[in-house]
Amino acid sequence: MAQFVDWDLAAATAGALSKSGPKASLDEATEVVNDLRRLTDEAAGHVVAYTGLQAQVAHPPVRVVDRRDWAVANIAGLRDVITPLVSRAAGDRQPGALTDAIGSRVTGVQAGTVLGYLSGRVLGQYEVFSGDPGQLLLVAPNIVEVERKLHADPRDFRLWVCLHEVTHRTQFTAVPWMRGHFLGQVQAFVDASQAGGDNFVDRVRRGVGTLAESIRDPQSRASVLDIVQTPAQRAVLDRLTALMTLLEGHAEFVMDGVGPEVIPTVEQIRAGFNRRREAGNPLEKAIRRLLGVDVKMRQYAEGRKFVHGVVDRVGMAGFNKVFDSPLTLPRLEELGDPDAWVARVHGPVSGSPPTVA
């Protein structure tokens, strides 16, 4: 079977569509890179002290990248992980070399269009597809652009971003089974698709096409959830949603917990950033909806509320039992009911809740 996506074409398309970053001299750009590397190390110390989570596996140093390099890194990771999964889902389907080659090039352009758009908006990411245990990426031009728009103190804003992203790195390095579990759920989602009525590869291609079309036409009402058709897929998607909500909420909880102690202007930064999240022109709002960014924003709030509720009841050490095994991860319905998770994992809790150090 030919490749599902022409990844080289995807990378070329993303590079061509990625906008240039804010103006900065060579000395300014070098200073930003060095600053982000230093603040990543500083954030790591704060995260360990606040959460009690310590990396159990070695990880590569942070990569400070530009927009094009961010897109290339994600394309490389997707190629390594997604291509084998989709090829397996395709089974014995053999549409013909020409048809498959054309399809892979079309999907390559569409995927590159989506990644090119995202490359101008992502501040940081813990990318887990490219290798074990993953790599921390900070997109320097986007961080500088946002801090300028918010009129934020550069040191404070950069540390604030680093706290969030380093927490994600800690989640995957302090919990060595996390990456394998996440990739296993992605595999389960693809496997579950084989019970669907039409070919999964075609549906994924339609989903990628929907995302690309939404960038060109914000009035499009199609949804990428069109590729989720089977009950088995929805069950896996529920587990993935619960996991991502936990991880995002935990990162927000840590950011907000550490921030007031080490970032003097954290309240102004949070207020300005929240206004930025809620704003946006009609195109950006349509893209957020179709890419699931609006769902992600709800995950921040819901996940943070869950973590706060559990820590209030059983303390940070008690909350960290969430990382004991996949069985102690919260179920989707427990995210809105911390008491249910505490009862299932800890049993009845008597007495006053412990204080948070």
Protein backbone atom coordinates (compact mmCIF):
# COMPACT_ATOMS: atom_id res chain seq x y z
CA MET A 1 0.00 0.00 0.00
CA ALA A 2 1.32 3.47 -0.86
CA GLN A 3 1.76 5.96 1.93
CA PHE A 4 -1.41 7.43 3.39
CA VAL A 5 -0.03 10.99 3.32
CA ASP A 6 2.72 12.46 1.16
CA TRP A 7 4.59 13.68 4.23
CA ASP A 8 7.30 15.47 2.25
CA LEU A 9 4.64 17.47 0.46
CA ALA A 10 2.93 18.14 3.81
CA ALA A 11 6.17 19.56 5.21
CA ALA A 12 6.73 21.70 2.10
CA THR A 13 3.16 23.02 2.25
CA ALA A 14 3.37 23.82 5.96
CA GLY A 15 6.66 25.63 5.41
CA ALA A 16 5.25 27.65 2.53
CA LEU A 17 2.14 28.65 4.49
CA SER A 18 3.87 29.41 7.80
CA LYS A 19 3.96 33.15 8.37
CA SER A 20 7.15 34.87 9.41
CA GLY A 21 7.44 35.68 13.08
CA PRO A 22 7.69 39.08 14.74
CA LYS A 23 10.67 41.21 13.80
CA ALA A 24 13.74 40.58 15.92
CA SER A 25 17.47 41.10 15.44
CA LEU A 26 19.86 38.16 15.61
CA ASP A 27 20.95 39.24 19.09
CA GLU A 28 17.32 39.50 20.23
CA ALA A 29 16.46 36.08 18.82
CA THR A 30 19.51 34.53 20.49
CA GLU A 31 18.53 36.11 23.79
CA VAL A 32 15.00 34.69 23.54
CA VAL A 33 16.30 31.17 22.84
CA ASN A 34 18.75 31.30 25.76
CA ASP A 35 16.07 32.77 28.02
CA LEU A 36 13.56 30.02 27.21
CA ARG A 37 16.14 27.31 27.84
CA ARG A 38 17.07 28.83 31.20
CA LEU A 39 13.43 29.35 32.21
CA THR A 40 12.61 25.76 31.27
CA ASP A 41 15.16 24.58 33.81
CA GLU A 42 13.80 27.02 36.39
CA ALA A 43 10.24 25.86 35.74
CA ALA A 44 11.29 22.22 36.13
CA GLY A 45 12.47 22.88 39.68
CA HIS A 46 9.22 24.63 40.57
CA VAL A 47 7.10 21.81 39.10
CA VAL A 48 8.97 19.11 41.02
CA ALA A 49 8.69 21.02 44.28
CA TYR A 50 4.98 21.72 43.84
CA THR A 51 3.79 18.36 42.52
CA GLY A 52 6.20 15.94 44.13
CA LEU A 53 6.59 14.26 40.73
CA GLN A 54 10.16 13.43 39.70
CA ALA A 55 11.24 12.30 36.23
CA GLN A 56 11.91 8.55 36.16
CA VAL A 57 13.37 8.46 32.66
CA ALA A 58 15.92 10.60 30.83
CA HIS A 59 14.52 13.08 28.34
CA PRO A 60 16.13 15.24 25.65
CA PRO A 61 16.68 18.93 26.39
CA VAL A 62 14.03 21.43 25.38
CA ARG A 63 13.99 22.36 21.70
CA VAL A 64 13.34 26.03 21.01
CA VAL A 65 12.01 26.11 17.46
CA ASP A 66 10.56 28.43 14.87
CA ARG A 67 7.22 27.84 13.17
CA ARG A 68 8.58 25.78 10.31
CA ASP A 69 10.63 23.54 12.60
CA TRP A 70 7.56 22.98 14.80
CA ALA A 71 5.58 21.78 11.78
CA VAL A 72 8.45 19.56 10.60
CA ALA A 73 8.82 17.97 14.05
CA ASN A 74 5.11 17.16 14.19
CA ILE A 75 5.07 15.79 10.67
CA ALA A 76 8.01 13.50 11.50
CA GLY A 77 6.24 12.21 14.61
CA LEU A 78 2.95 11.67 12.79
CA ARG A 79 4.72 9.82 9.98
CA ASP A 80 6.43 7.46 12.44
CA VAL A 81 3.29 6.60 14.42
CA ILE A 82 0.19 7.27 12.34
CA THR A 83 1.29 5.75 9.03
CA PRO A 84 1.66 2.17 10.39
CA LEU A 85 -1.65 2.45 12.25
CA VAL A 86 -3.57 3.67 9.22
CA SER A 87 -1.89 1.10 6.96
CA ARG A 88 -3.03 -1.63 9.34
CA ALA A 89 -6.57 -0.24 9.32
CA ALA A 90 -6.56 -0.21 5.53
CA GLY A 91 -5.98 -3.96 5.50
CA ASP A 92 -5.94 -5.49 2.06
CA ARG A 93 -7.48 -2.48 0.34
CA GLN A 94 -5.63 -1.91 -2.91
CA PRO A 95 -7.19 0.99 -4.81
CA GLY A 96 -4.39 1.12 -7.33
CA ALA A 97 -1.05 2.89 -7.31
CA LEU A 98 -2.25 5.97 -9.22
CA THR A 99 -5.37 6.48 -7.09
CA ASP A 100 -3.43 6.06 -3.86
CA ALA A 101 -0.62 8.32 -5.01
CA ILE A 102 -3.09 11.09 -5.91
CA GLY A 103 -4.90 10.63 -2.59
CA SER A 104 -1.67 10.84 -0.60
CA ARG A 105 -0.66 14.05 -2.34
CA VAL A 106 -4.05 15.66 -1.77
CA THR A 107 -3.95 14.67 1.89
CA GLY A 108 -0.36 15.91 2.10
CA VAL A 109 -1.40 19.38 0.95
CA GLN A 110 -4.37 19.37 3.33
CA ALA A 111 -2.31 18.20 6.31
CA GLY A 112 0.35 20.79 5.53
CA THR A 113 -2.32 23.49 5.37
CA VAL A 114 -3.58 22.59 8.85
CA LEU A 115 -0.10 22.37 10.37
CA GLY A 116 0.92 25.62 8.69
CA TYR A 117 -2.04 27.34 10.33
CA LEU A 118 -1.33 25.83 13.75
CA SER A 119 2.38 26.64 13.55
CA GLY A 120 1.54 30.32 14.01
CA ARG A 121 -0.54 29.73 17.15
CA VAL A 122 1.05 27.01 19.28
CA LEU A 123 3.23 28.39 22.09
CA GLY A 124 4.61 25.08 23.28
CA GLN A 125 4.00 21.36 23.10
CA TYR A 126 5.19 18.12 24.60
CA GLU A 127 5.38 16.06 21.42
CA VAL A 128 5.11 12.31 22.15
CA PHE A 129 4.94 10.76 18.68
CA SER A 130 8.56 11.32 17.65
CA GLY A 131 10.17 9.01 20.21
CA ASP A 132 10.19 7.74 23.77
CA PRO A 133 9.58 9.57 26.10
CA GLY A 134 8.87 12.57 23.83
CA GLN A 135 10.34 16.04 23.41
CA LEU A 136 9.45 19.49 24.70
CA LEU A 137 9.05 22.11 21.95
CA LEU A 138 8.77 25.85 22.58
CA VAL A 139 7.84 28.00 19.57
CA ALA A 140 9.88 31.14 20.16
CA PRO A 141 8.29 33.50 17.58
CA ASN A 142 4.78 32.73 18.83
CA ILE A 143 5.74 33.29 22.46
CA VAL A 144 7.35 36.63 21.61
CA GLU A 145 4.38 37.66 19.45
CA VAL A 146 1.83 36.95 22.19
CA GLU A 147 3.84 38.57 24.97
CA ARG A 148 4.10 41.72 22.84
CA LYS A 149 0.37 41.75 22.09
CA LEU A 150 -0.41 41.34 25.77
CA HIS A 151 2.21 43.94 26.74
CA ALA A 152 3.43 41.31 29.22
CA ASP A 153 6.73 41.28 31.05
CA PRO A 154 8.85 38.97 28.85
CA ARG A 155 10.49 37.05 31.70
CA ASP A 156 7.19 36.54 33.50
CA PHE A 157 5.26 35.46 30.42
CA ARG A 158 7.96 33.06 29.25
CA LEU A 159 8.20 31.43 32.67
CA TRP A 160 4.40 31.15 32.77
CA VAL A 161 4.40 29.28 29.45
CA CYS A 162 7.31 27.09 30.57
CA LEU A 163 5.48 26.08 33.76
CA HIS A 164 2.59 24.72 31.72
CA GLU A 165 4.69 22.87 29.17
CA VAL A 166 7.20 21.49 31.68
CA THR A 167 4.27 20.07 33.65
CA HIS A 168 3.30 18.12 30.54
CA ARG A 169 6.86 16.85 30.19
CA THR A 170 6.79 15.81 33.84
CA GLN A 171 3.55 13.90 33.32
CA PHE A 172 5.20 11.72 30.69
CA THR A 173 8.65 11.36 32.30
CA ALA A 174 7.53 10.86 35.91
CA VAL A 175 4.90 8.37 34.72
CA PRO A 176 6.80 6.12 32.29
CA TRP A 177 3.71 4.16 31.25
CA MET A 178 1.85 7.31 30.16
CA ARG A 179 3.20 7.52 26.61
CA GLY A 180 2.57 3.83 25.91
CA HIS A 181 -0.94 4.12 27.31
CA PHE A 182 -1.70 7.17 25.16
CA LEU A 183 -0.37 5.53 22.00
CA GLY A 184 -2.28 2.38 22.91
CA GLN A 185 -5.52 4.36 23.00
CA VAL A 186 -4.72 5.83 19.58
CA GLN A 187 -4.16 2.28 18.33
CA ALA A 188 -7.45 1.19 19.90
CA PHE A 189 -9.25 4.04 18.15
CA VAL A 190 -7.90 2.96 14.77
CA ASP A 191 -8.69 -0.71 15.46
CA ALA A 192 -12.23 0.19 16.50
CA SER A 193 -12.73 1.96 13.20
CA GLN A 194 -12.53 -1.31 11.31
CA ALA A 195 -16.06 -2.09 12.48
CA GLY A 196 -17.35 0.97 10.60
CA GLY A 197 -19.34 0.91 7.43
CA ASP A 198 -16.85 2.53 5.07
CA ASN A 199 -13.10 2.59 4.84
CA PHE A 200 -11.32 4.31 7.73
CA VAL A 201 -8.59 5.70 5.50
CA ASP A 202 -11.21 7.46 3.38
CA ARG A 203 -12.90 8.86 6.49
CA VAL A 204 -9.62 10.15 7.92
CA ARG A 205 -8.84 11.78 4.60
CA ARG A 206 -12.25 13.44 4.65
CA GLY A 207 -11.54 14.64 8.18
CA VAL A 208 -8.21 16.17 7.17
CA GLY A 209 -9.93 17.71 4.15
CA THR A 210 -12.58 19.21 6.43
CA LEU A 211 -9.92 20.90 8.54
CA ALA A 212 -8.14 22.28 5.50
CA GLU A 213 -11.40 23.49 3.96
CA SER A 214 -12.35 25.26 7.20
CA ILE A 215 -9.18 27.33 6.90
CA ARG A 216 -10.16 28.41 3.40
CA ASP A 217 -13.90 28.73 4.12
CA PRO A 218 -14.83 29.57 7.75
CA GLN A 219 -18.54 29.22 6.88
CA SER A 220 -18.14 25.45 6.43
CA ARG A 221 -20.30 23.53 8.92
CA ALA A 222 -18.65 20.13 8.51
CA SER A 223 -17.08 18.49 11.55
CA VAL A 224 -13.99 16.35 11.95
CA LEU A 225 -16.08 14.16 14.26
CA ASP A 226 -17.58 12.75 11.08
CA ILE A 227 -14.76 10.16 11.19
CA VAL A 228 -16.08 8.86 14.55
CA GLN A 229 -18.84 6.51 13.54
CA THR A 230 -18.76 3.36 15.65
CA PRO A 231 -19.74 2.86 19.31
CA ALA A 232 -16.32 1.32 19.93
CA GLN A 233 -14.64 4.45 18.60
CA ARG A 234 -16.77 6.65 20.82
CA ALA A 235 -15.79 4.57 23.87
CA VAL A 236 -12.10 5.02 23.07
CA LEU A 237 -12.65 8.71 22.38
CA ASP A 238 -14.24 9.05 25.83
CA ARG A 239 -11.09 7.58 27.40
CA LEU A 240 -8.83 9.85 25.37
CA THR A 241 -10.97 12.87 26.25
CA ALA A 242 -10.77 12.02 29.96
CA LEU A 243 -7.00 11.58 29.75
CA MET A 244 -6.39 14.84 27.89
CA THR A 245 -8.71 16.73 30.23
CA LEU A 246 -6.76 15.43 33.22
CA LEU A 247 -3.37 16.33 31.71
CA GLU A 248 -4.47 19.81 30.62
CA GLY A 249 -6.24 20.52 33.90
CA HIS A 250 -3.24 19.34 35.90
CA ALA A 251 -0.93 21.65 33.92
CA GLU A 252 -3.28 24.59 34.49
CA PHE A 253 -3.52 23.77 38.21
CA VAL A 254 0.26 23.67 38.57
CA MET A 255 0.70 26.86 36.54
CA ASP A 256 -1.81 28.70 38.72
CA GLY A 257 -0.42 27.21 41.91
CA VAL A 258 3.22 28.06 41.27
CA GLY A 259 2.65 31.31 39.36
CA PRO A 260 1.77 33.69 42.22
CA GLU A 261 4.94 32.70 44.08
CA VAL A 262 7.42 33.23 41.23
CA ILE A 263 5.72 35.45 38.62
CA PRO A 264 4.93 38.96 39.95
CA THR A 265 2.60 39.85 37.05
CA VAL A 266 0.80 36.51 36.80
CA GLU A 267 -2.68 37.98 37.40
CA GLN A 268 -2.32 40.44 34.52
CA ILE A 269 -0.93 37.71 32.27
CA ARG A 270 -3.77 35.29 33.06
CA ALA A 271 -6.44 37.96 32.53
CA GLY A 272 -4.94 39.08 29.23
CA PHE A 273 -4.42 35.54 28.00
CA ASN A 274 -7.99 34.54 28.83
CA ARG A 275 -9.29 37.54 26.89
CA ARG A 276 -7.12 36.49 23.96
CA ARG A 277 -8.54 32.95 24.10
CA GLU A 278 -12.10 34.25 24.00
CA ALA A 279 -11.46 36.76 21.22
CA GLY A 280 -10.69 36.09 17.60
CA ASN A 281 -12.07 36.87 14.18
CA PRO A 282 -14.77 34.65 12.57
CA LEU A 283 -12.14 32.57 10.75
CA GLU A 284 -10.23 31.82 13.93
CA LYS A 285 -13.42 30.93 15.80
CA ALA A 286 -14.45 28.52 13.05
CA ILE A 287 -11.02 26.91 13.05
CA ARG A 288 -11.06 26.57 16.82
CA ARG A 289 -14.38 24.77 16.63
CA LEU A 290 -13.35 22.41 13.86
CA LEU A 291 -9.94 21.67 15.35
CA GLY A 292 -11.46 21.01 18.74
CA VAL A 293 -9.69 23.97 20.34
CA ASP A 294 -12.95 25.10 21.95
CA VAL A 295 -13.22 21.64 23.48
CA LYS A 296 -9.63 21.98 24.67
CA MET A 297 -10.45 25.28 26.34
CA ARG A 298 -13.29 23.59 28.22
CA GLN A 299 -10.83 20.83 29.15
CA TYR A 300 -8.59 23.40 30.81
CA ALA A 301 -11.42 24.59 33.04
CA GLU A 302 -13.02 21.22 33.75
CA GLY A 303 -9.71 19.47 34.31
CA ARG A 304 -8.41 22.20 36.61
CA LYS A 305 -11.62 22.02 38.66
CA PHE A 306 -11.24 18.22 38.99
CA VAL A 307 -7.62 18.45 40.12
CA HIS A 308 -8.44 21.22 42.58
CA GLY A 309 -11.34 19.21 43.99
CA VAL A 310 -9.23 16.09 44.49
CA VAL A 311 -6.30 17.97 46.05
CA ASP A 312 -8.72 19.70 48.42
CA ARG A 313 -9.97 16.29 49.56
CA VAL A 314 -6.84 14.12 49.71
CA GLY A 315 -3.86 16.44 49.23
CA MET A 316 -1.25 16.46 46.47
CA ALA A 317 0.15 13.04 47.36
CA GLY A 318 -3.36 11.63 47.30
CA PHE A 319 -4.03 13.22 43.93
CA ASN A 320 -0.83 11.72 42.54
CA LYS A 321 -2.37 8.26 42.88
CA VAL A 322 -4.07 9.21 39.61
CA PHE A 323 -0.74 8.32 38.01
CA ASP A 324 -0.38 4.89 39.66
CA SER A 325 -1.75 3.00 36.65
CA PRO A 326 -4.24 3.36 33.80
CA LEU A 327 -6.88 1.97 36.18
CA THR A 328 -6.55 4.97 38.50
CA LEU A 329 -7.02 7.55 35.74
CA PRO A 330 -10.35 9.36 36.08
CA ARG A 331 -13.24 8.16 33.98
CA LEU A 332 -15.04 10.71 31.86
CA GLU A 333 -18.02 10.89 34.22
CA GLU A 334 -15.71 11.34 37.25
CA LEU A 335 -14.20 14.57 35.93
CA GLY A 336 -17.27 16.45 37.11
CA ASP A 337 -17.45 14.47 40.37
CA PRO A 338 -14.12 14.39 42.26
CA ASP A 339 -15.82 12.60 45.15
CA ALA A 340 -16.58 9.65 42.87
CA TRP A 341 -12.91 9.31 41.87
CA VAL A 342 -11.73 9.66 45.47
CA ALA A 343 -14.21 7.01 46.62
CA ARG A 344 -13.15 4.59 43.87
CA VAL A 345 -9.39 5.03 44.29
CA HIS A 346 -9.01 5.93 47.97
CA GLY A 347 -12.15 4.54 49.53
CA PRO A 348 -14.09 6.56 52.16
CA VAL A 349 -12.15 9.60 53.34
CA SER A 350 -12.76 10.62 56.96
CA GLY A 351 -11.73 13.73 58.85
CA SER A 352 -10.72 17.08 57.48
CA PRO A 353 -8.99 17.24 54.11
CA PRO A 354 -5.22 17.71 54.31
CA THR A 355 -3.83 21.09 53.48
CA VAL A 356 -1.80 21.66 50.32
CA ALA A 357 1.81 22.52 50.96
